[in-house]
């Protein structure tokens, strides 16, 4: 079917619609909303939920696989809570991963001291 039928009302942004100066659509036409102002509540919730989910995933990976991800889980949980979305599981798992990272670093430093001591004392043999 043809969109330019005579019995249909003219579209404001299409052919036959009101035209502003220079032949373009007037400012009252349809278009995207202005880019300023706070985001809509659903968008804040969606972004916050995304940060909360990321915090949870990073927290789980930080506890199970790589404790280096623990601080990143805490950071993502903070971002989610700034947007009003609770992210307690991600934050708790992030802190557990961070504590594991600290314990591993202490053991690594002790291991380096022991190796340096053994090498300086003649190798133990």
N, C-alpha and C. Protein backbone atom coordinates (compact mmCIF):
# COMPACT_ATOMS: atom_id res chain seq x y z
N UNK A 1 0.83 -1.19 0.00
CA UNK A 1 0.00 0.00 0.00
C UNK A 1 0.87 1.24 0.00
N UNK A 2 0.30 2.30 -0.52
CA UNK A 2 1.06 3.55 -0.62
C UNK A 2 0.81 4.40 0.62
N UNK A 3 1.89 4.95 1.23
CA UNK A 3 1.76 5.77 2.43
C UNK A 3 1.27 7.18 2.13
N UNK A 4 1.28 7.62 0.86
CA UNK A 4 0.90 8.99 0.52
C UNK A 4 -0.54 9.07 0.00
N UNK A 5 -1.45 8.30 0.60
CA UNK A 5 -2.84 8.35 0.16
C UNK A 5 -3.47 9.66 0.60
N UNK A 6 -4.45 10.11 -0.15
CA UNK A 6 -5.06 11.40 0.15
C UNK A 6 -5.98 11.32 1.37
N UNK A 7 -6.46 10.12 1.75
CA UNK A 7 -7.36 10.04 2.89
C UNK A 7 -6.61 9.91 4.22
N UNK A 8 -5.28 9.75 4.20
CA UNK A 8 -4.52 9.67 5.45
C UNK A 8 -3.96 11.04 5.80
N UNK A 9 -3.88 11.35 7.10
CA UNK A 9 -3.34 12.66 7.47
C UNK A 9 -1.84 12.71 7.19
N UNK A 10 -1.34 13.90 6.87
CA UNK A 10 0.09 14.02 6.57
C UNK A 10 0.92 13.79 7.84
N UNK A 11 2.06 13.16 7.68
CA UNK A 11 2.98 12.95 8.80
C UNK A 11 3.77 14.22 9.01
N UNK A 12 4.04 14.60 10.28
CA UNK A 12 4.78 15.83 10.54
C UNK A 12 6.21 15.80 10.01
N UNK A 13 6.82 14.60 9.97
CA UNK A 13 8.21 14.54 9.53
C UNK A 13 8.34 14.01 8.10
N UNK A 14 7.22 13.65 7.47
CA UNK A 14 7.28 13.07 6.14
C UNK A 14 6.81 14.03 5.08
N UNK A 15 6.56 13.49 3.88
CA UNK A 15 6.11 14.35 2.78
C UNK A 15 4.73 14.93 3.08
N UNK A 16 4.60 16.20 2.85
CA UNK A 16 3.33 16.87 3.07
C UNK A 16 3.15 17.38 4.48
N UNK A 17 4.11 17.15 5.35
CA UNK A 17 4.02 17.60 6.73
C UNK A 17 4.49 19.03 6.85
N UNK A 18 4.34 19.60 8.04
CA UNK A 18 4.78 20.99 8.22
C UNK A 18 6.29 21.10 8.06
N UNK A 19 6.70 22.09 7.39
CA UNK A 19 8.12 22.32 7.13
C UNK A 19 8.54 23.62 7.78
N UNK A 20 9.71 23.61 8.36
CA UNK A 20 10.26 24.80 8.97
C UNK A 20 11.09 25.56 7.95
N UNK A 21 11.86 26.55 8.40
CA UNK A 21 12.72 27.30 7.49
C UNK A 21 13.75 26.38 6.85
N UNK A 22 13.98 26.59 5.60
CA UNK A 22 14.98 25.79 4.89
C UNK A 22 14.46 24.44 4.46
N UNK A 23 13.16 24.18 4.62
CA UNK A 23 12.59 22.93 4.15
C UNK A 23 12.72 21.79 5.14
N UNK A 24 13.28 21.99 6.31
CA UNK A 24 13.42 20.90 7.27
C UNK A 24 12.21 20.88 8.19
N UNK A 25 12.06 19.79 8.93
CA UNK A 25 10.93 19.66 9.86
C UNK A 25 11.08 20.68 10.97
N UNK A 26 9.96 21.17 11.45
CA UNK A 26 10.00 22.19 12.50
C UNK A 26 10.46 21.58 13.82
N UNK A 27 10.77 22.45 14.78
CA UNK A 27 11.27 22.00 16.08
C UNK A 27 10.21 21.22 16.84
N UNK A 28 8.94 21.38 16.51
CA UNK A 28 7.87 20.66 17.18
C UNK A 28 7.68 19.25 16.66
N UNK A 29 8.47 18.83 15.67
CA UNK A 29 8.34 17.50 15.10
C UNK A 29 8.86 16.43 16.03
N UNK A 30 8.74 15.20 15.58
CA UNK A 30 9.20 14.08 16.39
C UNK A 30 10.71 13.95 16.30
N UNK A 31 11.32 13.51 17.36
CA UNK A 31 12.76 13.32 17.36
C UNK A 31 13.20 12.77 18.70
N UNK A 32 14.47 12.55 18.83
CA UNK A 32 14.97 12.00 20.08
C UNK A 32 14.87 13.03 21.20
N UNK A 33 14.76 12.56 22.44
CA UNK A 33 14.70 13.51 23.55
C UNK A 33 16.05 14.21 23.72
N UNK A 34 16.06 15.34 24.37
CA UNK A 34 17.33 16.05 24.56
C UNK A 34 18.30 15.21 25.39
N UNK A 35 19.61 15.34 25.14
CA UNK A 35 20.58 14.48 25.80
C UNK A 35 20.88 14.85 27.24
N UNK A 36 20.37 15.95 27.74
CA UNK A 36 20.69 16.36 29.10
C UNK A 36 19.64 15.85 30.07
N UNK A 37 19.94 15.97 31.35
CA UNK A 37 19.03 15.55 32.40
C UNK A 37 19.37 14.17 32.92
N UNK A 38 18.79 13.80 34.04
CA UNK A 38 19.09 12.48 34.62
C UNK A 38 18.48 11.38 33.76
N UNK A 39 19.10 10.20 33.78
CA UNK A 39 18.53 9.10 33.01
C UNK A 39 17.21 8.65 33.62
N UNK A 40 16.36 8.03 32.84
CA UNK A 40 15.10 7.54 33.39
C UNK A 40 15.36 6.48 34.46
N UNK A 41 14.41 6.28 35.39
CA UNK A 41 14.63 5.33 36.47
C UNK A 41 14.91 3.91 35.99
N UNK A 42 14.24 3.47 34.93
CA UNK A 42 14.47 2.11 34.45
C UNK A 42 15.89 1.95 33.92
N UNK A 43 16.44 3.03 33.34
CA UNK A 43 17.80 2.95 32.82
C UNK A 43 18.81 2.89 33.96
N UNK A 44 18.57 3.67 35.02
CA UNK A 44 19.43 3.60 36.22
C UNK A 44 19.39 2.21 36.81
N UNK A 45 18.19 1.62 36.88
CA UNK A 45 18.06 0.28 37.44
C UNK A 45 18.78 -0.74 36.58
N UNK A 46 18.65 -0.62 35.26
CA UNK A 46 19.29 -1.58 34.36
C UNK A 46 20.81 -1.50 34.46
N UNK A 47 21.35 -0.29 34.51
CA UNK A 47 22.80 -0.13 34.63
C UNK A 47 23.27 -0.62 36.00
N UNK A 48 22.51 -0.30 37.05
CA UNK A 48 22.86 -0.77 38.39
C UNK A 48 22.82 -2.28 38.48
N UNK A 49 21.80 -2.88 37.86
CA UNK A 49 21.69 -4.34 37.87
C UNK A 49 22.85 -4.97 37.12
N UNK A 50 23.28 -4.35 36.04
CA UNK A 50 24.42 -4.85 35.29
C UNK A 50 25.68 -4.83 36.14
N UNK A 51 25.88 -3.72 36.89
CA UNK A 51 27.04 -3.63 37.78
C UNK A 51 26.95 -4.68 38.89
N UNK A 52 25.75 -4.91 39.43
CA UNK A 52 25.58 -5.89 40.50
C UNK A 52 25.87 -7.30 39.99
N UNK A 53 25.40 -7.61 38.79
CA UNK A 53 25.68 -8.93 38.21
C UNK A 53 27.16 -9.11 37.95
N UNK A 54 27.80 -8.07 37.45
CA UNK A 54 29.25 -8.14 37.21
C UNK A 54 30.00 -8.32 38.51
N UNK A 55 29.57 -7.64 39.57
CA UNK A 55 30.21 -7.80 40.88
C UNK A 55 30.07 -9.23 41.37
N UNK A 56 28.90 -9.83 41.19
CA UNK A 56 28.69 -11.20 41.63
C UNK A 56 29.58 -12.17 40.86
N UNK A 57 29.65 -12.01 39.55
CA UNK A 57 30.49 -12.89 38.73
C UNK A 57 31.96 -12.73 39.11
N UNK A 58 32.41 -11.49 39.23
CA UNK A 58 33.81 -11.26 39.61
C UNK A 58 34.10 -11.78 41.02
N UNK A 59 33.12 -11.66 41.94
CA UNK A 59 33.30 -12.18 43.29
C UNK A 59 33.43 -13.68 43.31
N UNK A 60 32.59 -14.36 42.55
CA UNK A 60 32.67 -15.83 42.47
C UNK A 60 34.01 -16.25 41.88
N UNK A 61 34.39 -15.61 40.78
CA UNK A 61 35.68 -15.95 40.16
C UNK A 61 36.84 -15.60 41.09
N UNK A 62 36.70 -14.52 41.87
CA UNK A 62 37.75 -14.13 42.79
C UNK A 62 37.94 -15.12 43.92
N UNK A 63 36.88 -15.78 44.34
CA UNK A 63 36.99 -16.77 45.41
C UNK A 63 37.44 -18.12 44.86
N UNK A 64 36.94 -18.50 43.70
CA UNK A 64 37.18 -19.84 43.18
C UNK A 64 38.45 -19.93 42.33
N UNK A 65 38.70 -18.96 41.48
CA UNK A 65 39.76 -19.08 40.48
C UNK A 65 40.92 -18.13 40.73
N UNK A 66 40.66 -16.84 40.77
CA UNK A 66 41.73 -15.84 40.79
C UNK A 66 41.41 -14.75 41.80
N UNK A 67 42.03 -14.78 42.97
CA UNK A 67 41.71 -13.78 44.00
C UNK A 67 42.00 -12.34 43.58
N UNK A 68 42.77 -12.15 42.53
CA UNK A 68 43.06 -10.80 42.05
C UNK A 68 41.79 -10.07 41.60
N UNK A 69 40.73 -10.81 41.31
CA UNK A 69 39.47 -10.20 40.86
C UNK A 69 38.62 -9.67 42.02
N UNK A 70 38.99 -9.98 43.26
CA UNK A 70 38.22 -9.53 44.42
C UNK A 70 38.04 -8.02 44.50
N UNK A 71 39.12 -7.23 44.39
CA UNK A 71 38.94 -5.77 44.45
C UNK A 71 38.06 -5.22 43.33
N UNK A 72 38.10 -5.85 42.17
CA UNK A 72 37.25 -5.40 41.07
C UNK A 72 35.78 -5.69 41.36
N UNK A 73 35.51 -6.80 42.06
CA UNK A 73 34.13 -7.10 42.46
C UNK A 73 33.62 -6.04 43.45
N UNK A 74 34.47 -5.63 44.38
CA UNK A 74 34.08 -4.59 45.33
C UNK A 74 33.79 -3.28 44.59
N UNK A 75 34.63 -2.96 43.63
CA UNK A 75 34.45 -1.73 42.85
C UNK A 75 33.11 -1.76 42.09
N UNK A 76 32.80 -2.89 41.46
CA UNK A 76 31.54 -2.99 40.72
C UNK A 76 30.34 -2.93 41.67
N UNK A 77 30.47 -3.51 42.86
CA UNK A 77 29.38 -3.44 43.84
C UNK A 77 29.16 -2.00 44.29
N UNK A 78 30.24 -1.25 44.46
CA UNK A 78 30.10 0.17 44.81
C UNK A 78 29.38 0.94 43.71
N UNK A 79 29.73 0.66 42.46
CA UNK A 79 29.07 1.33 41.34
C UNK A 79 27.58 1.00 41.31
N UNK A 80 27.23 -0.26 41.58
CA UNK A 80 25.82 -0.65 41.59
C UNK A 80 25.06 0.05 42.71
N UNK A 81 25.68 0.15 43.88
CA UNK A 81 24.99 0.77 45.00
C UNK A 81 24.88 2.29 44.83
N UNK A 82 25.79 2.90 44.09
CA UNK A 82 25.64 4.32 43.77
C UNK A 82 24.39 4.57 42.94
N UNK A 83 24.02 3.58 42.14
CA UNK A 83 22.83 3.69 41.29
C UNK A 83 21.58 3.18 41.98
N UNK A 84 21.68 2.80 43.26
CA UNK A 84 20.52 2.38 44.01
C UNK A 84 20.18 0.91 43.91
N UNK A 85 21.07 0.09 43.37
CA UNK A 85 20.82 -1.34 43.26
C UNK A 85 21.66 -2.07 44.30
N UNK A 86 21.04 -2.88 45.16
CA UNK A 86 21.82 -3.60 46.16
C UNK A 86 22.73 -4.64 45.50
N UNK A 87 23.97 -4.74 46.00
CA UNK A 87 24.94 -5.69 45.45
C UNK A 87 25.71 -6.36 46.57
N UNK A 88 25.01 -6.76 47.62
CA UNK A 88 25.66 -7.34 48.80
C UNK A 88 26.41 -8.64 48.49
N UNK A 89 25.85 -9.59 47.75
CA UNK A 89 26.61 -10.83 47.50
C UNK A 89 27.92 -10.58 46.76
N UNK A 90 27.89 -9.69 45.78
CA UNK A 90 29.12 -9.37 45.05
C UNK A 90 30.14 -8.69 45.93
N UNK A 91 29.66 -7.82 46.83
CA UNK A 91 30.57 -7.12 47.75
C UNK A 91 31.20 -8.11 48.73
N UNK A 92 30.40 -9.01 49.31
CA UNK A 92 30.92 -9.98 50.28
C UNK A 92 31.93 -10.91 49.61
N UNK A 93 31.58 -11.44 48.44
CA UNK A 93 32.51 -12.32 47.73
C UNK A 93 33.76 -11.56 47.30
N UNK A 94 33.61 -10.29 46.97
CA UNK A 94 34.77 -9.48 46.63
C UNK A 94 35.71 -9.33 47.81
N UNK A 95 35.14 -9.11 49.01
CA UNK A 95 35.99 -9.00 50.21
C UNK A 95 36.65 -10.33 50.55
N UNK A 96 35.93 -11.44 50.37
CA UNK A 96 36.53 -12.76 50.61
C UNK A 96 37.69 -12.97 49.65
N UNK A 97 37.49 -12.65 48.37
CA UNK A 97 38.57 -12.77 47.39
C UNK A 97 39.74 -11.86 47.71
N UNK A 98 39.47 -10.65 48.21
CA UNK A 98 40.54 -9.73 48.56
C UNK A 98 41.33 -10.24 49.76
N UNK A 99 40.65 -10.82 50.75
CA UNK A 99 41.35 -11.41 51.90
C UNK A 99 42.20 -12.59 51.43
N UNK A 100 41.65 -13.42 50.55
CA UNK A 100 42.45 -14.53 49.99
C UNK A 100 43.67 -14.01 49.25
N UNK A 101 43.50 -12.92 48.52
CA UNK A 101 44.64 -12.32 47.82
C UNK A 101 45.70 -11.86 48.81
N UNK A 102 45.29 -11.24 49.91
CA UNK A 102 46.24 -10.81 50.93
C UNK A 102 46.98 -11.99 51.55
N UNK A 103 46.24 -13.06 51.87
CA UNK A 103 46.88 -14.26 52.45
C UNK A 103 47.87 -14.86 51.46
N UNK A 104 47.49 -14.95 50.20
CA UNK A 104 48.41 -15.49 49.19
C UNK A 104 49.65 -14.62 49.04
N UNK A 105 49.48 -13.31 49.11
CA UNK A 105 50.64 -12.42 49.02
C UNK A 105 51.58 -12.61 50.21
N UNK A 106 51.02 -12.79 51.40
CA UNK A 106 51.85 -13.03 52.59
C UNK A 106 52.62 -14.34 52.42
N UNK A 107 51.95 -15.40 51.99
CA UNK A 107 52.65 -16.67 51.77
C UNK A 107 53.71 -16.56 50.69
N UNK A 108 53.43 -15.79 49.66
CA UNK A 108 54.41 -15.61 48.58
C UNK A 108 55.65 -14.87 49.09
N UNK A 109 55.46 -13.84 49.89
CA UNK A 109 56.59 -13.11 50.46
C UNK A 109 57.39 -14.02 51.39
N UNK A 110 56.70 -14.81 52.22
CA UNK A 110 57.41 -15.76 53.09
C UNK A 110 58.19 -16.79 52.28
N UNK A 111 57.60 -17.24 51.18
CA UNK A 111 58.29 -18.20 50.31
C UNK A 111 59.54 -17.56 49.70
N UNK A 112 59.44 -16.31 49.26
CA UNK A 112 60.60 -15.62 48.70
C UNK A 112 61.70 -15.45 49.75
N UNK A 113 61.33 -15.14 50.98
CA UNK A 113 62.31 -15.00 52.05
C UNK A 113 62.98 -16.34 52.32
N UNK A 114 62.19 -17.43 52.34
CA UNK A 114 62.77 -18.76 52.57
C UNK A 114 63.71 -19.16 51.44
N UNK A 115 63.34 -18.89 50.21
CA UNK A 115 64.22 -19.21 49.07
C UNK A 115 65.50 -18.38 49.15
N UNK A 116 65.37 -17.11 49.46
CA UNK A 116 66.57 -16.26 49.57
C UNK A 116 67.47 -16.74 50.71
N UNK A 117 66.89 -17.16 51.81
CA UNK A 117 67.67 -17.68 52.94
C UNK A 117 68.38 -18.97 52.55
N UNK A 118 67.67 -19.87 51.87
CA UNK A 118 68.28 -21.14 51.45
C UNK A 118 69.41 -20.90 50.44
N UNK A 119 69.22 -19.98 49.52
CA UNK A 119 70.25 -19.71 48.52
C UNK A 119 71.49 -19.06 49.16
N UNK A 120 71.27 -18.21 50.15
CA UNK A 120 72.39 -17.54 50.78
C UNK A 120 73.15 -18.45 51.77
N UNK A 121 72.48 -19.51 52.24
CA UNK A 121 73.14 -20.41 53.20
C UNK A 121 73.80 -21.60 52.53
N UNK A 122 73.88 -21.64 51.25
CA UNK A 122 74.58 -22.71 50.56
C UNK A 122 73.66 -23.72 49.91
N UNK A 123 72.40 -23.48 49.84
CA UNK A 123 71.51 -24.36 49.10
C UNK A 123 70.95 -25.51 49.90
N UNK A 124 71.30 -25.68 51.15
CA UNK A 124 70.73 -26.72 51.97
C UNK A 124 71.29 -28.09 51.69
N UNK A 125 72.40 -28.21 50.94
CA UNK A 125 72.89 -29.55 50.61
C UNK A 125 74.26 -29.74 50.94
